[in-house]
Amino acid sequence: MNIMKLGFIGAGNMGGAILKGIIAGGKVGANDIFIRNSSDNSTQNVAQKKGVQACGSLKELAQKSDIVFIGVKPYLVAKVLEEIKDELKNKIVISMAASVEIRDIEAIIPETKVVRIMPNTPVEVGAGVIGVSFSEFFNKDEKPYIVELFDNIGKVEVISEKDMPGLTAISGSGPAYVYMFIEALADGAVLNGLRRDVAYRLAANTVLGSAKMVLETNEHPGKLKDDVCSPAGSTIEAVRVLEENNFRSAVIECERACFEKLSKM
């Protein structure tokens, strides 16, 4: 498939991270990437920092691009699409707005192929999860091309759009749960006498290493947990306390609450 020109409408934290990863991947050169932010100054600043091409209007960006990333707040998506719907015919639109469904976009621009993505914040360090759902009109070459655009920012999971709330509840919101766990681990270490900076390093690297073990050994997490727990040892005593305080149930319930909130949006 030929190299396609990319346009970014909005390049905040998430859009900017995706833009950075795509540039680093080298699949699309900076000369073939266009940007339009909320103001001329913001547009010029991002273009200069990233080495991409600034556009003076949304219509200019849409005209020059084959794939248009929509990185604005959900309540602004319809307004943006209405302004450039004529320029988007027969192009690909990629939306990262959490509560905007593919059908919402197709209602405004029915001639357009639509991708809905849900990245999480670790894409900023190249270690994110990106959920991807496609509308029905893509050919066999286009889907792999879209997936490969995200190679440098994390792991892509192609899912049915109906599963997007479930993915969001675990990977989209999940970093918040993990950060709370890291903070709690560090607080416990401080209580046990370790310096705060040391505690945070130990906690974060313990979570990182444990995740790596799950991914690289393909062992069940329960098996890996059992491997750490010696009979009558200190670790199984700590696990007993977690179970006594409904640790696993609390995690499941928080994720369910997130899912139910998303399902109502």
Protein backbone atom coordinates (compact mmCIF):
# COMPACT_ATOMS: atom_id res chain seq x y z
CA MET A 1 0.00 0.00 0.00
CA ASN A 2 1.33 3.47 -0.89
CA ILE A 3 2.40 5.89 1.86
CA MET A 4 -0.55 8.01 2.87
CA LYS A 5 -0.63 11.60 4.03
CA LEU A 6 -1.81 12.08 7.62
CA GLY A 7 -3.66 15.01 9.18
CA PHE A 8 -4.05 15.67 12.91
CA ILE A 9 -6.91 17.83 14.11
CA GLY A 10 -5.90 18.46 17.70
CA ALA A 11 -2.55 17.31 19.04
CA GLY A 12 -2.86 17.46 22.82
CA ASN A 13 -1.34 14.89 25.15
CA MET A 14 -2.83 11.85 23.45
CA GLY A 15 -2.80 13.13 19.89
CA GLY A 16 0.72 14.44 20.37
CA ALA A 17 1.91 11.08 21.70
CA ILE A 18 0.43 9.27 18.70
CA LEU A 19 2.00 11.82 16.36
CA LYS A 20 5.39 11.34 18.03
CA GLY A 21 5.15 7.56 17.72
CA ILE A 22 4.19 7.67 14.06
CA ILE A 23 7.10 9.98 13.25
CA ALA A 24 9.50 7.71 15.18
CA GLY A 25 8.20 4.68 13.27
CA GLY A 26 9.32 6.21 9.99
CA LYS A 27 6.37 4.84 8.03
CA VAL A 28 5.24 8.37 7.18
CA GLY A 29 7.67 11.26 6.79
CA ALA A 30 7.16 14.59 8.57
CA ASN A 31 6.58 16.29 5.21
CA ASP A 32 3.49 14.11 4.75
CA ILE A 33 1.98 14.92 8.16
CA PHE A 34 -0.27 17.96 8.67
CA ILE A 35 -1.48 19.59 11.88
CA ARG A 36 -4.25 21.97 12.83
CA ASN A 37 -4.84 22.93 16.46
CA SER A 38 -7.36 25.29 18.01
CA SER A 39 -5.39 28.44 17.11
CA ASP A 40 -2.77 29.59 14.64
CA ASN A 41 -0.15 30.02 17.39
CA SER A 42 -0.76 26.56 18.82
CA THR A 43 -0.67 25.04 15.33
CA GLN A 44 2.65 26.73 14.50
CA ASN A 45 4.19 25.73 17.85
CA VAL A 46 3.33 22.04 17.41
CA ALA A 47 4.44 22.06 13.77
CA GLN A 48 7.82 23.55 14.67
CA LYS A 49 8.40 21.18 17.60
CA LYS A 50 7.45 18.06 15.65
CA GLY A 51 8.78 19.14 12.27
CA VAL A 52 5.42 18.62 10.55
CA GLN A 53 3.35 20.87 8.28
CA ALA A 54 1.05 23.53 9.74
CA CYS A 55 -2.35 24.15 8.14
CA GLY A 56 -4.25 27.42 8.26
CA SER A 57 -7.67 25.78 8.47
CA LEU A 58 -9.45 22.49 9.02
CA LYS A 59 -10.49 22.39 5.37
CA GLU A 60 -6.91 22.80 4.20
CA LEU A 61 -5.82 19.91 6.41
CA ALA A 62 -8.65 17.65 5.22
CA GLN A 63 -7.91 18.43 1.58
CA LYS A 64 -4.22 17.56 1.94
CA SER A 65 -4.66 14.38 4.01
CA ASP A 66 -5.62 10.81 3.15
CA ILE A 67 -6.12 9.87 6.81
CA VAL A 68 -7.48 12.40 9.31
CA PHE A 69 -7.05 11.91 13.06
CA ILE A 70 -9.74 13.57 15.18
CA GLY A 71 -8.17 14.49 18.52
CA VAL A 72 -10.66 17.05 19.87
CA LYS A 73 -12.96 16.72 22.87
CA PRO A 74 -16.00 14.48 22.23
CA TYR A 75 -18.47 17.36 22.32
CA LEU A 76 -16.57 19.08 19.49
CA VAL A 77 -16.36 16.09 17.13
CA ALA A 78 -19.69 16.69 15.36
CA LYS A 79 -18.92 20.38 14.86
CA VAL A 80 -15.51 19.62 13.36
CA LEU A 81 -16.89 16.93 11.06
CA GLU A 82 -19.72 19.15 9.83
CA GLU A 83 -17.20 21.81 8.86
CA ILE A 84 -15.10 19.48 6.71
CA LYS A 85 -17.52 16.71 5.69
CA ASP A 86 -17.27 17.54 1.98
CA GLU A 87 -13.47 17.27 2.10
CA LEU A 88 -13.58 13.91 3.90
CA LYS A 89 -15.41 11.92 1.24
CA ASN A 90 -13.56 8.71 0.32
CA LYS A 91 -10.96 9.30 3.02
CA ILE A 92 -10.20 7.58 6.33
CA VAL A 93 -11.15 9.20 9.63
CA ILE A 94 -9.60 7.98 12.90
CA SER A 95 -11.38 9.16 16.03
CA MET A 96 -10.00 8.91 19.57
CA ALA A 97 -13.07 10.43 21.25
CA ALA A 98 -14.15 8.05 24.02
CA SER A 99 -17.93 8.42 23.79
CA VAL A 100 -18.30 8.91 20.03
CA GLU A 101 -19.31 5.77 18.15
CA ILE A 102 -18.57 4.91 14.54
CA ARG A 103 -22.25 5.28 13.65
CA ASP A 104 -22.23 8.84 15.05
CA ILE A 105 -19.46 9.75 12.62
CA GLU A 106 -21.03 7.88 9.70
CA ALA A 107 -24.25 9.82 10.24
CA ILE A 108 -22.35 12.98 9.28
CA ILE A 109 -19.95 11.57 6.69
CA PRO A 110 -21.45 8.32 5.31
CA GLU A 111 -18.99 8.10 2.40
CA THR A 112 -16.00 7.88 4.75
CA LYS A 113 -14.17 4.88 6.24
CA VAL A 114 -14.04 5.27 10.02
CA VAL A 115 -11.68 3.90 12.66
CA ARG A 116 -12.36 4.29 16.35
CA ILE A 117 -9.35 4.01 18.66
CA MET A 118 -8.92 4.02 22.43
CA PRO A 119 -5.29 4.60 23.44
CA ASN A 120 -4.18 4.88 27.06
CA THR A 121 -1.69 7.31 28.58
CA PRO A 122 1.37 5.00 28.45
CA VAL A 123 1.46 5.59 24.69
CA GLU A 124 3.47 8.67 25.71
CA VAL A 125 6.38 6.35 26.58
CA GLY A 126 5.79 3.83 23.79
CA ALA A 127 4.18 1.28 26.10
CA GLY A 128 0.47 1.86 25.61
CA VAL A 129 -2.50 -0.26 24.66
CA ILE A 130 -4.51 0.92 21.66
CA GLY A 131 -7.94 -0.56 21.08
CA VAL A 132 -8.97 -0.34 17.40
CA SER A 133 -12.38 -0.86 15.80
CA PHE A 134 -13.01 -0.56 12.06
CA SER A 135 -16.16 0.30 10.15
CA GLU A 136 -17.25 -2.27 7.59
CA PHE A 137 -15.89 -0.73 4.41
CA PHE A 138 -12.13 -1.32 4.74
CA ASN A 139 -10.25 -3.50 2.25
CA LYS A 140 -7.63 -6.11 3.19
CA ASP A 141 -4.65 -3.76 2.70
CA GLU A 142 -5.96 -0.81 4.69
CA LYS A 143 -6.45 -2.46 8.08
CA PRO A 144 -2.84 -3.68 8.44
CA TYR A 145 -1.60 -0.26 7.36
CA ILE A 146 -3.62 1.44 10.10
CA VAL A 147 -2.44 -1.05 12.73
CA GLU A 148 1.20 -0.60 11.72
CA LEU A 149 0.94 3.16 12.24
CA PHE A 150 0.74 2.48 15.98
CA ASP A 151 3.69 0.07 16.21
CA ASN A 152 5.90 2.54 18.09
CA ILE A 153 3.41 3.52 20.78
CA GLY A 154 2.23 0.21 22.15
CA LYS A 155 0.22 -2.97 21.68
CA VAL A 156 -2.72 -2.83 19.29
CA GLU A 157 -5.85 -4.87 20.00
CA VAL A 158 -8.33 -5.00 17.10
CA ILE A 159 -11.79 -5.54 18.61
CA SER A 160 -15.45 -5.26 17.76
CA GLU A 161 -16.80 -1.83 18.64
CA LYS A 162 -19.31 -3.37 21.05
CA ASP A 163 -16.33 -4.42 23.20
CA MET A 164 -14.86 -0.91 23.35
CA PRO A 165 -16.36 -0.09 26.81
CA GLY A 166 -14.84 -3.29 28.22
CA LEU A 167 -11.43 -2.44 26.74
CA THR A 168 -11.67 1.11 28.03
CA ALA A 169 -12.50 -0.07 31.54
CA ILE A 170 -9.36 -2.20 31.72
CA SER A 171 -6.73 -0.52 29.55
CA GLY A 172 -8.05 2.99 29.06
CA SER A 173 -8.77 3.59 32.76
CA GLY A 174 -6.53 0.82 34.08
CA PRO A 175 -3.36 2.93 34.42
CA ALA A 176 -5.15 4.93 37.15
CA TYR A 177 -5.74 1.74 39.14
CA VAL A 178 -2.12 0.67 38.66
CA TYR A 179 -0.78 4.06 39.74
CA MET A 180 -2.84 3.80 42.92
CA PHE A 181 -1.40 0.34 43.56
CA ILE A 182 2.16 1.60 43.00
CA GLU A 183 1.51 4.50 45.38
CA ALA A 184 0.12 2.12 48.01
CA LEU A 185 3.10 -0.24 47.63
CA ALA A 186 5.44 2.71 48.09
CA ASP A 187 3.52 3.97 51.14
CA GLY A 188 3.92 0.54 52.72
CA ALA A 189 7.65 0.62 52.03
CA VAL A 190 7.93 4.07 53.62
CA LEU A 191 6.06 2.74 56.66
CA ASN A 192 8.68 0.00 56.81
CA GLY A 193 11.50 2.56 56.82
CA LEU A 194 12.53 3.02 53.18
CA ARG A 195 13.08 6.46 51.65
CA ARG A 196 10.25 7.74 49.46
CA ASP A 197 12.31 7.91 46.24
CA VAL A 198 13.60 4.38 46.76
CA ALA A 199 10.09 3.15 47.53
CA TYR A 200 8.65 4.53 44.29
CA ARG A 201 11.45 3.00 42.20
CA LEU A 202 11.04 -0.38 43.86
CA ALA A 203 7.25 -0.32 43.54
CA ALA A 204 7.20 0.74 39.88
CA ASN A 205 9.88 -1.74 38.83
CA THR A 206 8.17 -4.55 40.74
CA VAL A 207 4.96 -3.93 38.79
CA LEU A 208 6.91 -3.63 35.52
CA GLY A 209 8.81 -6.87 36.10
CA SER A 210 5.71 -8.77 37.18
CA ALA A 211 3.85 -7.70 34.04
CA LYS A 212 6.80 -8.77 31.92
CA MET A 213 6.74 -12.21 33.59
CA VAL A 214 3.05 -12.66 32.70
CA LEU A 215 3.63 -11.67 29.07
CA GLU A 216 6.87 -13.56 28.44
CA THR A 217 6.26 -16.80 30.34
CA ASN A 218 2.60 -17.21 29.30
CA GLU A 219 1.99 -18.62 32.77
CA HIS A 220 -1.32 -18.01 34.51
CA PRO A 221 -0.98 -15.09 36.99
CA GLY A 222 -2.22 -17.39 39.74
CA LYS A 223 0.62 -19.84 39.03
CA LEU A 224 3.18 -17.02 39.17
CA LYS A 225 1.68 -15.84 42.46
CA ASP A 226 1.93 -19.38 43.87
CA ASP A 227 5.61 -19.52 42.86
CA VAL A 228 6.34 -16.57 45.17
CA CYS A 229 4.43 -17.99 48.15
CA SER A 230 6.47 -20.40 50.29
CA PRO A 231 4.61 -22.59 52.83
CA ALA A 232 4.03 -20.67 56.07
CA GLY A 233 6.07 -17.81 54.58
CA SER A 234 5.78 -14.03 54.71
CA THR A 235 4.35 -13.66 51.19
CA ILE A 236 1.40 -15.98 51.74
CA GLU A 237 0.73 -14.09 54.96
CA ALA A 238 0.61 -10.85 52.97
CA VAL A 239 -1.66 -12.49 50.37
CA ARG A 240 -3.97 -13.61 53.20
CA VAL A 241 -4.34 -10.00 54.30
CA LEU A 242 -5.16 -8.88 50.74
CA GLU A 243 -7.82 -11.58 50.48
CA GLU A 244 -9.20 -10.66 53.90
CA ASN A 245 -9.64 -7.09 52.67
CA ASN A 246 -11.33 -8.13 49.40
CA PHE A 247 -8.48 -6.91 47.20
CA ARG A 248 -9.50 -8.83 44.09
CA SER A 249 -13.18 -8.07 44.55
CA ALA A 250 -12.42 -4.36 44.89
CA VAL A 251 -10.51 -4.39 41.59
CA ILE A 252 -13.29 -6.26 39.81
CA GLU A 253 -15.95 -3.94 41.20
CA CYS A 254 -14.04 -0.78 40.24
CA GLU A 255 -13.68 -2.03 36.69
CA ARG A 256 -17.36 -2.96 36.55
CA ALA A 257 -18.33 0.52 37.79
CA CYS A 258 -16.18 2.06 35.06
CA PHE A 259 -17.78 -0.18 32.44
CA GLU A 260 -21.31 0.68 33.54
CA LYS A 261 -20.52 4.40 33.48
CA LEU A 262 -19.11 4.09 29.96
CA SER A 263 -22.16 2.12 28.81
CA LYS A 264 -24.43 5.00 29.81
CA MET A 265 -22.42 7.72 28.05
